[in-house]
Amino acid sequence: MALSDDAKNKAEDLKGRGKEAAGSLTGDEDLKAEGQGDQAVAEGKQKISDVADAVKGKVDDVKDKLTGH
């Protein structure tokens, strides 16, 4: 995936961390849980992005072997 996807995932993770921290400080369990959920979504998206990058790399390797590059 693109570097911008990684940046978006990191931003979503940081937003979630902020919500979780704010929820902890204020005693707002809903906000804390929402922040944890945002972090989990960001982590899942990042894992998917990492797998897609790995698959693309392998496809490129095979393509290079087939074309003699």
Protein backbone atom coordinates (compact mmCIF):
# COMPACT_ATOMS: atom_id res chain seq x y z
CA MET A 1 0.00 0.00 0.00
CA ALA A 2 0.99 3.59 -0.18
CA LEU A 3 2.91 5.53 2.38
CA SER A 4 -0.17 7.73 2.78
CA ASP A 5 -2.14 4.68 3.99
CA ASP A 6 0.50 4.06 6.65
CA ALA A 7 0.28 7.70 7.73
CA LYS A 8 -3.52 7.54 7.88
CA ASN A 9 -3.37 4.37 9.97
CA LYS A 10 -0.85 5.96 12.36
CA ALA A 11 -3.01 9.08 12.64
CA GLU A 12 -6.07 6.95 13.44
CA ASP A 13 -4.06 5.06 16.05
CA LEU A 14 -2.89 8.31 17.65
CA LYS A 15 -6.45 9.68 17.63
CA GLY A 16 -7.57 6.52 19.42
CA ARG A 17 -4.79 6.83 21.97
CA GLY A 18 -5.85 10.41 22.63
CA LYS A 19 -9.47 9.41 23.13
CA GLU A 20 -8.46 6.58 25.44
CA ALA A 21 -6.26 8.91 27.50
CA ALA A 22 -8.97 11.57 27.68
CA GLY A 23 -11.50 8.96 28.73
CA SER A 24 -9.15 7.67 31.43
CA LEU A 25 -8.47 11.16 32.76
CA THR A 26 -12.13 12.15 32.86
CA GLY A 27 -13.53 8.79 33.92
CA ASP A 28 -15.52 8.57 30.67
CA GLU A 29 -15.53 4.82 30.01
CA ASP A 30 -17.39 5.23 26.70
CA LEU A 31 -14.73 7.59 25.33
CA LYS A 32 -12.00 5.30 26.61
CA ALA A 33 -13.60 2.30 24.87
CA GLU A 34 -14.10 4.30 21.67
CA GLY A 35 -10.40 5.16 21.70
CA GLN A 36 -9.46 1.53 22.16
CA GLY A 37 -11.75 0.62 19.27
CA ASP A 38 -10.13 3.25 17.04
CA GLN A 39 -6.72 1.79 17.88
CA ALA A 40 -7.88 -1.73 17.06
CA VAL A 41 -9.28 -0.62 13.69
CA ALA A 42 -6.04 1.20 12.86
CA GLU A 43 -4.00 -1.87 13.80
CA GLY A 44 -6.17 -4.09 11.59
CA LYS A 45 -5.87 -1.71 8.65
CA GLN A 46 -2.10 -1.58 9.10
CA LYS A 47 -1.85 -5.37 9.12
CA ILE A 48 -3.88 -5.56 5.92
CA SER A 49 -1.63 -2.91 4.37
CA ASP A 50 1.47 -4.85 5.39
CA VAL A 51 0.14 -8.08 3.88
CA ALA A 52 -0.82 -6.28 0.66
CA ASP A 53 2.71 -4.84 0.44
CA ALA A 54 4.23 -8.28 0.94
CA VAL A 55 2.01 -9.86 -1.71
CA LYS A 56 2.79 -7.06 -4.17
CA GLY A 57 6.50 -7.58 -3.55
CA LYS A 58 6.22 -11.30 -4.29
CA VAL A 59 4.18 -10.67 -7.43
CA ASP A 60 6.80 -8.17 -8.59
CA ASP A 61 9.54 -10.76 -7.92
CA VAL A 62 7.74 -13.37 -10.04
CA LYS A 63 7.08 -10.83 -12.79
CA ASP A 64 10.77 -9.86 -12.82
CA LYS A 65 11.82 -13.52 -13.10
CA LEU A 66 9.41 -14.11 -15.96
CA THR A 67 10.50 -11.03 -17.88
CA GLY A 68 14.21 -11.53 -17.13
CA HIS A 69 14.73 -8.37 -15.10
